[in-house]
Amino acid sequence: MLPHSAINIIRAKADDAVALSKIALAAKGHWRYQERWLEIWRDTLTVQPEFIVANETYAAVADGRTV
């Protein structure tokens, strides 16, 4: 059995945009869409730092990293 890590939900910071964008793209990729569709959606799935600053945005953090 794998050890459990505490997961904390925190207010995202502008610096979290890259990690959140990677997570969004990976989540969409989980459904096995063709790579060309993922590329078409890349801009839509990209979380901009400005969006985080202007909107209430949250991130899950476990073991010090955004998950």
Protein backbone atom coordinates (compact mmCIF):
# COMPACT_ATOMS: atom_id res chain seq x y z
CA MET A 1 0.00 0.00 0.00
CA LEU A 2 1.25 3.46 -0.88
CA PRO A 3 1.60 6.03 1.90
CA HIS A 4 -1.01 8.78 1.88
CA SER A 5 0.06 12.39 1.54
CA ALA A 6 -1.97 15.27 2.85
CA ILE A 7 -3.49 17.32 0.09
CA ASN A 8 -4.09 20.99 0.77
CA ILE A 9 -6.29 23.23 -1.33
CA ILE A 10 -4.76 26.70 -1.51
CA ARG A 11 -5.36 29.93 -3.37
CA ALA A 12 -3.27 29.69 -6.54
CA LYS A 13 -0.55 32.24 -7.25
CA ALA A 14 0.44 33.60 -10.65
CA ASP A 15 3.56 31.40 -10.40
CA ASP A 16 1.30 28.31 -10.45
CA ALA A 17 0.13 29.00 -14.02
CA VAL A 18 2.66 26.69 -15.68
CA ALA A 19 1.92 23.77 -13.37
CA LEU A 20 -1.85 24.26 -13.67
CA SER A 21 -1.55 24.41 -17.46
CA LYS A 22 0.41 21.14 -17.53
CA ILE A 23 -2.22 19.50 -15.33
CA ALA A 24 -5.07 20.75 -17.55
CA LEU A 25 -3.40 19.39 -20.69
CA ALA A 26 -2.57 16.05 -19.02
CA ALA A 27 -6.16 15.74 -17.79
CA LYS A 28 -7.50 16.27 -21.30
CA GLY A 29 -4.90 13.81 -22.63
CA HIS A 30 -6.18 11.17 -20.22
CA TRP A 31 -9.17 10.73 -22.52
CA ARG A 32 -6.81 9.68 -25.35
CA TYR A 33 -7.65 12.44 -27.75
CA GLN A 34 -5.45 12.58 -30.81
CA GLU A 35 -2.32 14.67 -30.32
CA ARG A 36 -3.43 17.14 -32.99
CA TRP A 37 -6.61 17.86 -30.99
CA LEU A 38 -4.57 18.46 -27.85
CA GLU A 39 -2.45 20.94 -29.81
CA ILE A 40 -5.58 22.70 -31.08
CA TRP A 41 -6.81 23.00 -27.46
CA ARG A 42 -3.43 24.00 -25.98
CA ASP A 43 -4.23 27.74 -25.87
CA THR A 44 -7.63 27.10 -24.29
CA LEU A 45 -6.08 24.81 -21.66
CA THR A 46 -3.28 27.23 -20.84
CA VAL A 47 -3.84 29.00 -17.54
CA GLN A 48 -2.50 32.54 -17.74
CA PRO A 49 -0.92 34.20 -14.68
CA GLU A 50 -3.19 37.19 -15.29
CA PHE A 51 -6.23 34.95 -15.01
CA ILE A 52 -5.10 33.67 -11.62
CA VAL A 53 -4.53 37.21 -10.36
CA ALA A 54 -7.91 38.44 -11.61
CA ASN A 55 -9.99 35.38 -10.65
CA GLU A 56 -10.43 33.23 -7.58
CA THR A 57 -8.30 30.22 -8.54
CA TYR A 58 -7.26 27.27 -6.40
CA ALA A 59 -4.64 24.55 -6.57
CA ALA A 60 -4.20 21.23 -4.80
CA VAL A 61 -0.76 20.83 -3.20
CA ALA A 62 0.77 17.58 -1.93
CA ASP A 63 4.30 17.14 -0.70
CA GLY A 64 5.09 20.72 -1.69
CA ARG A 65 4.04 20.43 -5.32
CA THR A 66 0.94 21.34 -7.27
CA VAL A 67 -0.98 18.21 -8.19
